Structure formats: C-alpha cells, structure tokens
C-alpha cells in the first residue's frame, strides 16, 4: 500500500481523479449490474468468444479511464456481433466521456434497437428492460425510459441483486418528468429494499419537495378559479340589477309620459 502524503500535488491528483470519476457517476447503477455475471447473462444472450473477449477488455479499459481504448474494443465487439445490445450501450458511454456526442447518441440508438428486439423475444427479461430504460434516458426520451423501467421493476424478482437500483432509476426518470408522487413511491420502495441507497435517499427529499410545490401550485390555482367564479357571479348579479333598474326607470318614464300627454 502506498503511503499517503498530504501535499499540493497529491491533492491535485486526487481532485483530477474525482473529476474523472464524476464523468461516469451517472452510470453507477449500470456498472453495478454489469459487474455481476448473472445479471449480464440475464440481460442478453452471450455473444461469441471474440466479441465477448473484446467487450470484457473494453469494460476493463473504461473502468481504468482508458476511454479511447474502450471505444475501440466496444466498436470491434459490435462489429463482430451486431445484436450485442450491451456492447452498443457501453460504446455509447465510452464515446460520451470522450466528447463524441453524435457518435454516442447513435450507439445508444443502436442499443435501443437491440434491446427492443431482445425484450420482444424475452418479454419477462427485467435486466433487458432496465438497460433499455437507461439507453432511452441517455437519449433524453424520458417517457420511453419510464415505460421500460416500469417493465423492469414489474418483472424483477425478490432475489434480484440491484433491485433497488432499478427502482431508483425509475424514480430518477419520473423526477425529470415532474411526476413527483410516482417518484416518491419508487424511492420508498428502493429504500425499503436497501436502506443504504444514499442516492435514493437524497433524491427522495427532492421529490418530496417537488410534490409539495406542485400541491401548493394546485391549491393556488383552485383558489384563483374560485375567486374568478365568485367575481363572475358578482358581476352577473350587478348587471342583472342594473338591467332591472333600467327597466323600472323606463317603465316609470313611460307611465309619466302617458299621464301628461293631452287628450
């Protein structure tokens, strides 16, 4: 083990390391799922040896911040196996952190096609729906992401490792869609499964605050509507009274004219 030295250079190195890690923080849940071999096999049929070897090599390169090397390995893996759904997904992640946004979006779109195909073949495959949801989320298609992630949690089993992450990802998408009450429900479920899911606990507070804001806005709008209706009724009564008074005055004038007219 290296002896830690509190120096300016060491602190700078630590900050740079944290910056690099933060680029991939959004993929934490997917990394947890992928690191489990049972989860990988559940997510899709395994590709042939060469594609699998390249994929594993790309995962190792990505985790050790050799991102361009990871891009090349993932690209070769999906070339060898065009239906390799997670290969496209990992390629999208690696392209994203290397700043290749358009190429990254294309890789995620290819991953969506592969995962959609897989879910049609295996409609109960929770992990396939999970990664499909992550791909849609990367493409900012949050409604589609929510649909896929709902299928993921619906088909997950009690013993599924990372089940709390699936609820968390669903809640994150619902939060982005301003579906705060639904997000609160999913986050409570995630924390019920794993009380130490700190991202879920943090997001729960934000979702509760969002739900409260929506409730306050709704109550304010209801109050405005009541006031508008009350004002309309008041104006209607005033107009009715004015009309009635005008009729009375008109009738009185007519009676007066009739009484004073010569025979």
Protein backbone atom coordinates (compact mmCIF):
# COMPACT_ATOMS: atom_id res chain seq x y z
CA UNK A 1 0.00 0.00 0.00
CA UNK A 2 1.27 3.43 -0.88
CA UNK A 3 1.88 5.87 1.96
CA UNK A 4 -0.40 8.88 1.58
CA UNK A 5 1.33 12.24 1.63
CA UNK A 6 -0.66 15.40 2.12
CA UNK A 7 0.97 17.60 -0.48
CA UNK A 8 -0.36 20.05 -3.01
CA UNK A 9 0.45 17.70 -5.86
CA UNK A 10 -1.26 14.81 -4.14
CA UNK A 11 -4.37 16.86 -3.54
CA UNK A 12 -4.37 17.99 -7.16
CA UNK A 13 -4.08 14.40 -8.33
CA UNK A 14 -7.00 13.46 -6.09
CA UNK A 15 -9.15 16.26 -7.50
CA UNK A 16 -8.37 15.19 -11.05
CA UNK A 17 -9.21 11.61 -10.20
CA UNK A 18 -12.53 12.66 -8.70
CA UNK A 19 -13.29 14.72 -11.80
CA UNK A 20 -12.71 11.69 -14.00
CA UNK A 21 -14.90 9.55 -11.78
CA UNK A 22 -17.68 12.10 -11.79
CA UNK A 23 -17.95 11.78 -15.58
CA UNK A 24 -19.17 8.25 -15.04
CA UNK A 25 -21.18 8.70 -11.86
CA UNK A 26 -24.42 8.64 -13.80
CA UNK A 27 -23.59 5.10 -14.89
CA UNK A 28 -23.00 3.79 -11.34
CA UNK A 29 -26.09 1.61 -11.29
CA UNK A 30 -25.39 0.11 -14.69
CA UNK A 31 -21.84 -0.69 -13.62
CA UNK A 32 -23.12 -2.49 -10.55
CA UNK A 33 -25.48 -4.54 -12.67
CA UNK A 34 -22.93 -5.34 -15.34
CA UNK A 35 -20.24 -6.39 -12.88
CA UNK A 36 -22.44 -9.28 -11.83
CA UNK A 37 -22.05 -12.13 -14.32
CA UNK A 38 -25.52 -13.48 -13.60
CA UNK A 39 -27.01 -10.10 -14.41
CA UNK A 40 -25.06 -9.94 -17.66
CA UNK A 41 -26.31 -13.33 -18.77
CA UNK A 42 -29.84 -12.36 -17.85
CA UNK A 43 -29.62 -9.16 -19.85
CA UNK A 44 -28.97 -10.81 -23.20
CA UNK A 45 -27.75 -13.94 -24.92
CA UNK A 46 -23.98 -14.04 -24.72
CA UNK A 47 -22.07 -13.23 -27.92
CA UNK A 48 -19.42 -15.48 -29.43
CA UNK A 49 -15.96 -15.66 -27.89
CA UNK A 50 -14.15 -12.93 -29.77
CA UNK A 51 -16.90 -10.32 -29.26
CA UNK A 52 -17.19 -11.28 -25.60
CA UNK A 53 -13.43 -11.01 -25.11
CA UNK A 54 -13.32 -7.58 -26.73
CA UNK A 55 -16.28 -6.46 -24.64
CA UNK A 56 -14.66 -7.55 -21.37
CA UNK A 57 -11.45 -5.85 -22.39
CA UNK A 58 -13.38 -2.67 -23.17
CA UNK A 59 -15.11 -2.76 -19.78
CA UNK A 60 -11.73 -3.04 -18.06
CA UNK A 61 -10.30 -0.17 -20.10
CA UNK A 62 -13.33 2.00 -19.37
CA UNK A 63 -13.15 1.37 -15.64
CA UNK A 64 -9.50 2.36 -15.63
CA UNK A 65 -10.13 5.56 -17.62
CA UNK A 66 -8.58 4.30 -20.84
CA UNK A 67 -11.64 5.58 -22.62
CA UNK A 68 -10.44 5.70 -26.23
CA UNK A 69 -9.13 2.16 -25.91
CA UNK A 70 -12.56 1.16 -24.58
CA UNK A 71 -14.24 2.81 -27.59
CA UNK A 72 -12.13 0.77 -29.98
CA UNK A 73 -12.78 -2.51 -28.16
CA UNK A 74 -16.54 -1.94 -27.99
CA UNK A 75 -16.67 -0.92 -31.66
CA UNK A 76 -14.94 -4.14 -32.69
CA UNK A 77 -17.23 -6.17 -30.41
CA UNK A 78 -20.44 -4.86 -32.00
CA UNK A 79 -18.96 -5.25 -35.47
CA UNK A 80 -18.48 -8.93 -34.72
CA UNK A 81 -21.92 -9.25 -33.13
CA UNK A 82 -24.45 -6.68 -34.48
CA UNK A 83 -27.06 -7.80 -31.91
CA UNK A 84 -24.76 -7.23 -28.92
CA UNK A 85 -27.06 -4.83 -27.04
CA UNK A 86 -24.85 -4.10 -24.06
CA UNK A 87 -21.89 -3.67 -26.38
CA UNK A 88 -23.69 -0.74 -28.03
CA UNK A 89 -24.66 0.65 -24.62
CA UNK A 90 -21.07 0.53 -23.33
CA UNK A 91 -19.85 2.01 -26.59
CA UNK A 92 -22.26 4.91 -26.08
CA UNK A 93 -20.89 5.53 -22.59
CA UNK A 94 -17.27 5.46 -23.74
CA UNK A 95 -17.97 7.75 -26.70
CA UNK A 96 -19.78 10.17 -24.40
CA UNK A 97 -16.87 10.58 -21.99
CA UNK A 98 -14.50 11.13 -24.92
CA UNK A 99 -16.70 14.01 -26.09
CA UNK A 100 -18.10 12.33 -29.21
CA UNK A 101 -21.73 13.29 -28.63
CA UNK A 102 -23.22 12.45 -32.03
CA UNK A 103 -21.48 9.08 -32.19
CA UNK A 104 -22.56 8.40 -28.61
CA UNK A 105 -26.22 9.09 -29.43
CA UNK A 106 -26.01 6.76 -32.42
CA UNK A 107 -24.57 3.99 -30.25
CA UNK A 108 -27.39 4.42 -27.71
CA UNK A 109 -29.94 4.38 -30.54
CA UNK A 110 -28.41 1.12 -31.81
CA UNK A 111 -28.56 -0.25 -28.27
CA UNK A 112 -32.27 0.66 -28.11
CA UNK A 113 -32.93 -1.35 -31.28
CA UNK A 114 -31.05 -4.35 -29.91
CA UNK A 115 -32.75 -4.21 -26.51
CA UNK A 116 -36.20 -3.71 -28.06
CA UNK A 117 -35.57 -6.82 -30.12
CA UNK A 118 -34.44 -8.70 -27.03
CA UNK A 119 -37.50 -7.68 -24.98
CA UNK A 120 -39.76 -8.87 -27.78
CA UNK A 121 -38.02 -12.24 -27.64
CA UNK A 122 -37.96 -12.29 -23.81
CA UNK A 123 -40.87 -10.16 -22.53
CA UNK A 124 -40.11 -11.05 -18.89
CA UNK A 125 -36.42 -10.08 -19.01
CA UNK A 126 -36.13 -7.46 -16.28
CA UNK A 127 -32.48 -6.66 -16.97
CA UNK A 128 -33.08 -6.08 -20.67
CA UNK A 129 -35.83 -3.58 -19.85
CA UNK A 130 -33.54 -1.94 -17.32
CA UNK A 131 -30.75 -1.30 -19.82
CA UNK A 132 -33.32 -0.28 -22.43
CA UNK A 133 -34.55 2.35 -19.99
CA UNK A 134 -31.00 3.59 -19.39
CA UNK A 135 -30.48 3.94 -23.14
CA UNK A 136 -33.67 5.92 -23.59
CA UNK A 137 -32.69 8.12 -20.65
CA UNK A 138 -29.35 8.84 -22.33
CA UNK A 139 -31.26 9.96 -25.42
CA UNK A 140 -33.50 12.24 -23.28
CA UNK A 141 -36.53 10.13 -24.18
CA UNK A 142 -37.85 10.08 -20.65
CA UNK A 143 -41.37 8.84 -21.37
CA UNK A 144 -39.94 5.80 -23.18
CA UNK A 145 -37.39 5.35 -20.39
CA UNK A 146 -40.16 5.34 -17.77
CA UNK A 147 -42.12 2.77 -19.76
CA UNK A 148 -39.12 0.43 -19.98
CA UNK A 149 -38.10 0.86 -16.35
CA UNK A 150 -41.65 0.17 -15.17
CA UNK A 151 -41.46 -3.13 -17.03
CA UNK A 152 -38.08 -3.78 -15.43
CA UNK A 153 -39.34 -3.39 -11.86
CA UNK A 154 -42.57 -5.24 -12.69
CA UNK A 155 -40.61 -8.28 -13.84
CA UNK A 156 -37.84 -8.19 -11.24
CA UNK A 157 -37.60 -10.99 -8.70
CA UNK A 158 -37.22 -10.73 -4.93
CA UNK A 159 -33.68 -12.06 -5.04
CA UNK A 160 -32.53 -9.79 -7.86
CA UNK A 161 -29.28 -8.10 -6.85
CA UNK A 162 -29.52 -4.41 -7.66
CA UNK A 163 -33.31 -4.38 -7.49
CA UNK A 164 -33.18 -1.12 -5.53
CA UNK A 165 -31.18 0.47 -8.37
CA UNK A 166 -33.97 -0.34 -10.80
CA UNK A 167 -36.48 1.48 -8.62
CA UNK A 168 -34.02 4.35 -8.23
CA UNK A 169 -33.55 4.74 -11.99
CA UNK A 170 -37.32 4.65 -12.50
CA UNK A 171 -37.72 7.34 -9.85
CA UNK A 172 -34.99 9.46 -11.42
CA UNK A 173 -36.81 9.46 -14.77
CA UNK A 174 -40.14 10.20 -13.08
CA UNK A 175 -38.48 13.09 -11.24
CA UNK A 176 -37.25 14.51 -14.55
CA UNK A 177 -40.81 14.23 -15.87
CA UNK A 178 -42.06 16.12 -12.78
CA UNK A 179 -44.02 13.01 -11.72
CA UNK A 180 -43.03 13.64 -8.14
CA UNK A 181 -45.61 11.50 -6.36
CA UNK A 182 -44.69 8.49 -8.50
CA UNK A 183 -41.00 9.18 -7.87
CA UNK A 184 -41.59 9.25 -4.11
CA UNK A 185 -43.30 5.86 -4.31
CA UNK A 186 -40.46 4.29 -6.31
CA UNK A 187 -37.81 5.77 -4.00
CA UNK A 188 -39.57 4.50 -0.90
CA UNK A 189 -39.51 1.05 -2.48
CA UNK A 190 -35.80 1.38 -3.29
CA UNK A 191 -35.04 2.34 0.31
CA UNK A 192 -37.23 -0.44 1.64
CA UNK A 193 -35.06 -2.89 -0.31
CA UNK A 194 -31.78 -1.16 0.54
CA UNK A 195 -31.81 1.47 3.29
CA UNK A 196 -28.19 2.33 2.43
CA UNK A 197 -29.02 3.53 -1.09
CA UNK A 198 -27.88 7.09 -0.41
CA UNK A 199 -28.63 8.48 -3.90
CA UNK A 200 -32.21 7.27 -3.42
CA UNK A 201 -32.43 8.95 -0.02
CA UNK A 202 -31.12 12.21 -1.46
CA UNK A 203 -33.49 12.14 -4.42
CA UNK A 204 -36.41 11.30 -2.13
CA UNK A 205 -36.03 14.64 -0.36
CA UNK A 206 -36.00 16.46 -3.70
CA UNK A 207 -39.04 14.53 -4.94
CA UNK A 208 -40.98 15.31 -1.77
CA UNK A 209 -40.14 18.99 -2.17
CA UNK A 210 -41.26 18.85 -5.81
CA UNK A 211 -44.53 17.17 -4.83
CA UNK A 212 -45.12 19.86 -2.23
CA UNK A 213 -44.51 22.62 -4.79
CA UNK A 214 -46.97 21.03 -7.19
CA UNK A 215 -49.55 20.72 -4.42
CA UNK A 216 -49.12 24.39 -3.48
CA UNK A 217 -49.45 25.46 -7.13
CA UNK A 218 -52.59 23.34 -7.50
CA UNK A 219 -54.16 24.86 -4.40
CA UNK A 220 -53.27 28.36 -5.60
CA UNK A 221 -54.87 27.68 -9.00
CA UNK A 222 -58.00 26.33 -7.32
CA UNK A 223 -58.19 29.45 -5.19
CA UNK A 224 -57.81 31.67 -8.26
CA UNK A 225 -60.55 29.73 -10.04
CA UNK A 226 -62.90 30.10 -7.07
CA UNK A 227 -62.17 33.82 -6.96
CA UNK A 228 -62.78 34.14 -10.69
CA UNK A 229 -66.10 32.35 -10.42
CA UNK A 230 -67.10 34.50 -7.45
CA UNK A 231 -66.22 37.66 -9.37
CA UNK A 232 -68.19 36.43 -12.37
CA UNK A 233 -71.26 35.80 -10.17
CA UNK A 234 -70.91 39.22 -8.58
CA UNK A 235 -70.64 40.91 -11.97
CA UNK A 236 -73.58 38.90 -13.23
CA UNK A 237 -75.74 39.94 -10.29
CA UNK A 238 -74.66 43.57 -10.69
CA UNK A 239 -75.52 43.52 -14.38
CA UNK A 240 -78.84 41.90 -13.62
CA UNK A 241 -79.65 44.54 -11.03
CA UNK A 242 -78.62 47.31 -13.40
CA UNK A 243 -80.86 45.88 -16.08
CA UNK A 244 -83.75 45.60 -13.69
CA UNK A 245 -83.28 49.21 -12.57
CA UNK A 246 -83.16 50.35 -16.19
CA UNK A 247 -86.45 48.58 -16.87
CA UNK A 248 -88.02 50.18 -13.80
CA UNK A 249 -86.86 53.62 -14.87
CA UNK A 250 -88.07 53.04 -18.42
CA UNK A 251 -91.47 51.93 -17.19
CA UNK A 252 -91.69 54.91 -14.84
CA UNK A 253 -90.86 57.30 -17.68
CA UNK A 254 -93.45 55.71 -19.92
CA UNK A 255 -96.11 55.99 -17.22
CA UNK A 256 -95.22 59.63 -16.68
CA UNK A 257 -95.45 60.41 -20.39
CA UNK A 258 -98.76 58.64 -20.60
CA UNK A 259 -100.14 60.58 -17.67
CA UNK A 260 -99.15 64.03 -19.01
CA UNK A 261 -99.96 63.58 -22.69
CA UNK A 262 -103.03 65.74 -23.89
CA UNK A 263 -106.32 64.08 -24.78
